Amino acid sequence: MATIQPLVSQFTITGELEDLVTKSGGCIKSLQVVTEEQEEYWIKVAKELRHSLSKKLQTGCLLKVTGMRKYEIHKGKVKYKAYGVELLSKPVSEPVISPTSDVTVATKPKAKVLFCQKSTCWKRGGKAACELLKAEFQSRGIADKVEIKTVGCLKQCKKAPNIVIMPDKARYSRVKPKQVLGFIEKHLLV
């Protein structure tokens, strides 16, 4: 039986640092970079770069990332590993004020609510919670300031439905639609 070898090639991605994952020692393990075309990439950082990047990077900065891309045919996945990260510009953060009330969305990096849209989460109330949240944001006039995004599996299927509120990375499981508004008050509104 023949084994299938992954395809490997070089890549260069330029975009805004949306999120990063750090290890317990504070060194950066992986980066989430979003390009101008709104393409989202999760890129693992090579071990030799991790300590040197820890103090330089913060969400919102513009990066040029170079490295190797591995396409695993049998899994249908593409994995990215960074061997070079260049800081192109620092982030600019400004408070965002709602035009219809004196509610201010926190000056943290781009606020998002991620809803798992896989069948278990969606059927157990995720879809209802997502629709309720969209309607609430519209009524408060902040729909353009907080992104609601449906994503793939959040790896907690037995505890469905699941959501993640960014940039706090607050993860909630077994979410009931009526609970979502409380989470938003806690994480996104000041």
Protein backbone atom coordinates (compact mmCIF):
# COMPACT_ATOMS: atom_id res chain seq x y z
CA MET A 1 0.00 0.00 0.00
CA ALA A 2 1.40 3.38 -0.99
CA THR A 3 1.43 6.28 1.43
CA ILE A 4 0.24 9.69 0.32
CA GLN A 5 2.82 12.41 0.88
CA PRO A 6 1.64 15.95 1.70
CA LEU A 7 2.34 18.74 -0.79
CA VAL A 8 4.64 21.42 0.63
CA SER A 9 5.25 24.94 -0.71
CA GLN A 10 6.29 28.40 0.47
CA PHE A 11 3.81 31.15 1.31
CA THR A 12 3.76 34.88 2.05
CA ILE A 13 0.69 36.37 3.72
CA THR A 14 0.23 40.06 4.49
CA GLY A 15 -2.63 41.05 6.76
CA GLU A 16 -3.90 42.26 10.11
CA LEU A 17 -3.22 40.24 13.26
CA GLU A 18 -6.73 39.29 14.40
CA ASP A 19 -5.83 36.99 17.30
CA LEU A 20 -2.94 35.03 18.76
CA VAL A 21 -2.57 31.95 20.94
CA THR A 22 0.09 31.98 23.63
CA LYS A 23 1.55 29.20 25.73
CA SER A 24 1.72 29.38 29.53
CA GLY A 25 5.18 31.02 29.41
CA GLY A 26 3.82 33.92 27.33
CA CYS A 27 5.46 32.89 24.06
CA ILE A 28 3.28 32.97 20.94
CA LYS A 29 2.21 29.58 19.56
CA SER A 30 0.03 30.64 16.62
CA LEU A 31 -1.34 33.70 14.82
CA GLN A 32 -4.68 34.46 13.20
CA VAL A 33 -4.10 36.77 10.24
CA VAL A 34 -6.85 38.34 8.10
CA THR A 35 -5.91 39.68 4.66
CA GLU A 36 -7.47 42.67 2.86
CA GLU A 37 -9.63 40.17 0.93
CA GLN A 38 -11.03 39.01 4.33
CA GLU A 39 -9.34 35.62 4.05
CA GLU A 40 -8.57 34.19 7.48
CA TYR A 41 -5.45 32.11 8.23
CA TRP A 42 -4.31 30.33 11.38
CA ILE A 43 -0.52 30.09 11.24
CA LYS A 44 1.62 28.10 13.66
CA VAL A 45 4.83 29.91 14.69
CA ALA A 46 8.12 28.02 14.46
CA LYS A 47 9.64 27.34 17.89
CA GLU A 48 12.74 29.41 17.19
CA LEU A 49 10.57 32.54 16.59
CA ARG A 50 8.18 32.22 19.54
CA HIS A 51 10.18 34.04 22.24
CA SER A 52 11.31 36.89 20.00
CA LEU A 53 7.75 37.72 18.89
CA SER A 54 6.11 37.77 22.32
CA LYS A 55 6.79 41.43 23.13
CA LYS A 56 6.43 42.88 19.62
CA LEU A 57 2.99 41.72 18.50
CA GLN A 58 -0.47 42.85 19.51
CA THR A 59 -3.81 42.39 17.84
CA GLY A 60 -4.57 44.91 15.12
CA CYS A 61 -1.00 45.29 13.84
CA LEU A 62 -0.16 44.69 10.18
CA LEU A 63 2.12 41.71 9.50
CA LYS A 64 3.98 40.05 6.67
CA VAL A 65 4.27 36.33 7.44
CA THR A 66 6.44 33.93 5.42
CA GLY A 67 6.85 30.20 5.84
CA MET A 68 5.85 26.78 4.60
CA ARG A 69 2.37 25.56 3.65
CA LYS A 70 1.58 21.83 3.88
CA TYR A 71 -1.46 20.46 2.05
CA GLU A 72 -2.48 17.11 3.51
CA ILE A 73 -4.46 15.48 0.72
CA HIS A 74 -5.89 12.63 2.77
CA LYS A 75 -7.25 15.05 5.41
CA GLY A 76 -8.22 17.84 3.03
CA LYS A 77 -6.41 20.39 5.21
CA VAL A 78 -3.79 23.05 4.68
CA LYS A 79 -1.40 23.79 7.56
CA TYR A 80 0.75 26.92 7.72
CA LYS A 81 3.99 27.31 9.67
CA ALA A 82 5.72 30.70 9.99
CA TYR A 83 9.48 30.98 9.79
CA GLY A 84 9.48 34.76 9.33
CA VAL A 85 7.20 37.44 10.78
CA GLU A 86 7.71 41.11 9.90
CA LEU A 87 5.83 43.89 11.71
CA LEU A 88 4.63 46.41 9.08
CA SER A 89 2.62 48.79 11.29
CA LYS A 90 1.25 49.14 14.82
CA PRO A 91 -2.51 49.07 15.56
CA VAL A 92 -4.62 52.17 15.96
CA SER A 93 -7.45 51.78 18.46
CA GLU A 94 -10.25 54.29 18.85
CA PRO A 95 -13.41 54.07 20.95
CA VAL A 96 -16.54 53.32 18.96
CA ILE A 97 -19.67 55.15 20.12
CA SER A 98 -23.19 54.03 19.27
CA PRO A 99 -25.18 56.76 17.47
CA THR A 100 -28.52 55.83 19.09
CA SER A 101 -27.51 55.57 22.73
CA ASP A 102 -24.64 56.21 25.09
CA VAL A 103 -23.51 52.60 24.91
CA THR A 104 -19.85 52.29 23.99
CA VAL A 105 -18.43 49.15 22.46
CA ALA A 106 -15.18 48.36 24.26
CA THR A 107 -11.97 49.60 22.59
CA LYS A 108 -10.64 46.07 22.43
CA PRO A 109 -9.77 44.65 19.03
CA LYS A 110 -12.66 43.93 16.69
CA ALA A 111 -15.58 42.45 18.64
CA LYS A 112 -17.03 39.21 17.28
CA VAL A 113 -19.48 36.59 18.39
CA LEU A 114 -18.70 33.17 16.91
CA PHE A 115 -21.57 30.69 16.65
CA CYS A 116 -20.92 27.02 15.88
CA GLN A 117 -23.14 26.21 12.91
CA LYS A 118 -22.62 22.45 12.88
CA SER A 119 -25.82 20.44 13.08
CA THR A 120 -25.72 19.57 16.80
CA CYS A 121 -25.24 23.18 17.92
CA TRP A 122 -27.58 24.64 15.34
CA LYS A 123 -30.44 22.23 16.17
CA ARG A 124 -30.09 22.64 19.95
CA GLY A 125 -30.70 26.39 19.94
CA GLY A 126 -27.66 27.91 18.27
CA LYS A 127 -29.66 29.18 15.30
CA ALA A 128 -32.30 30.76 17.55
CA ALA A 129 -29.61 32.42 19.69
CA CYS A 130 -27.85 33.77 16.58
CA GLU A 131 -31.07 35.26 15.18
CA LEU A 132 -31.99 36.78 18.55
CA LEU A 133 -28.56 38.39 18.82
CA LYS A 134 -28.76 39.86 15.29
CA ALA A 135 -32.15 41.39 16.10
CA GLU A 136 -30.86 42.81 19.40
CA PHE A 137 -27.83 44.42 17.73
CA GLN A 138 -30.10 45.97 15.10
CA SER A 139 -32.42 47.41 17.75
CA ARG A 140 -29.47 48.89 19.70
CA GLY A 141 -27.90 50.33 16.55
CA ILE A 142 -24.60 48.50 16.96
CA ALA A 143 -24.98 45.82 14.27
CA ASP A 144 -22.15 47.36 12.23
CA LYS A 145 -19.74 47.45 15.19
CA VAL A 146 -19.96 43.84 16.36
CA GLU A 147 -19.58 41.01 13.86
CA ILE A 148 -21.70 37.88 14.21
CA LYS A 149 -19.94 35.02 12.49
CA THR A 150 -20.97 31.40 12.01
CA VAL A 151 -18.01 29.05 12.17
CA GLY A 152 -17.26 25.36 11.93
CA CYS A 153 -17.12 22.95 14.84
CA LEU A 154 -15.89 24.37 18.16
CA LYS A 155 -15.06 20.84 19.40
CA GLN A 156 -17.63 20.74 22.22
CA CYS A 157 -20.45 18.85 20.47
CA LYS A 158 -21.67 17.11 23.63
CA LYS A 159 -22.18 20.53 25.23
CA ALA A 160 -24.04 22.09 22.29
CA PRO A 161 -24.82 24.84 21.44
CA ASN A 162 -21.46 26.62 21.71
CA ILE A 163 -20.39 30.24 21.19
CA VAL A 164 -17.15 32.20 21.59
CA ILE A 165 -17.09 35.94 22.25
CA MET A 166 -14.01 37.71 20.92
CA PRO A 167 -11.68 39.37 21.72
CA ASP A 168 -12.08 38.02 25.28
CA LYS A 169 -12.09 34.44 23.96
CA ALA A 170 -14.97 33.72 26.33
CA ARG A 171 -16.35 30.29 25.49
CA TYR A 172 -19.88 29.30 26.47
CA SER A 173 -21.53 25.89 26.13
CA ARG A 174 -25.12 24.67 26.50
CA VAL A 175 -26.23 28.19 25.60
CA LYS A 176 -29.92 29.03 25.78
CA PRO A 177 -31.08 31.87 23.48
CA LYS A 178 -32.18 34.01 26.45
CA GLN A 179 -28.66 33.79 27.97
CA VAL A 180 -26.92 35.36 24.97
CA LEU A 181 -27.98 38.92 25.82
CA GLY A 182 -26.39 38.63 29.26
CA PHE A 183 -23.12 37.45 27.72
CA ILE A 184 -23.12 40.44 25.38
CA GLU A 185 -23.70 42.88 28.25
CA LYS A 186 -20.83 41.27 30.12
CA HIS A 187 -18.27 41.18 27.29
CA LEU A 188 -19.07 43.75 24.61
CA LEU A 189 -20.94 46.69 26.11
CA VAL A 190 -19.63 49.20 28.66
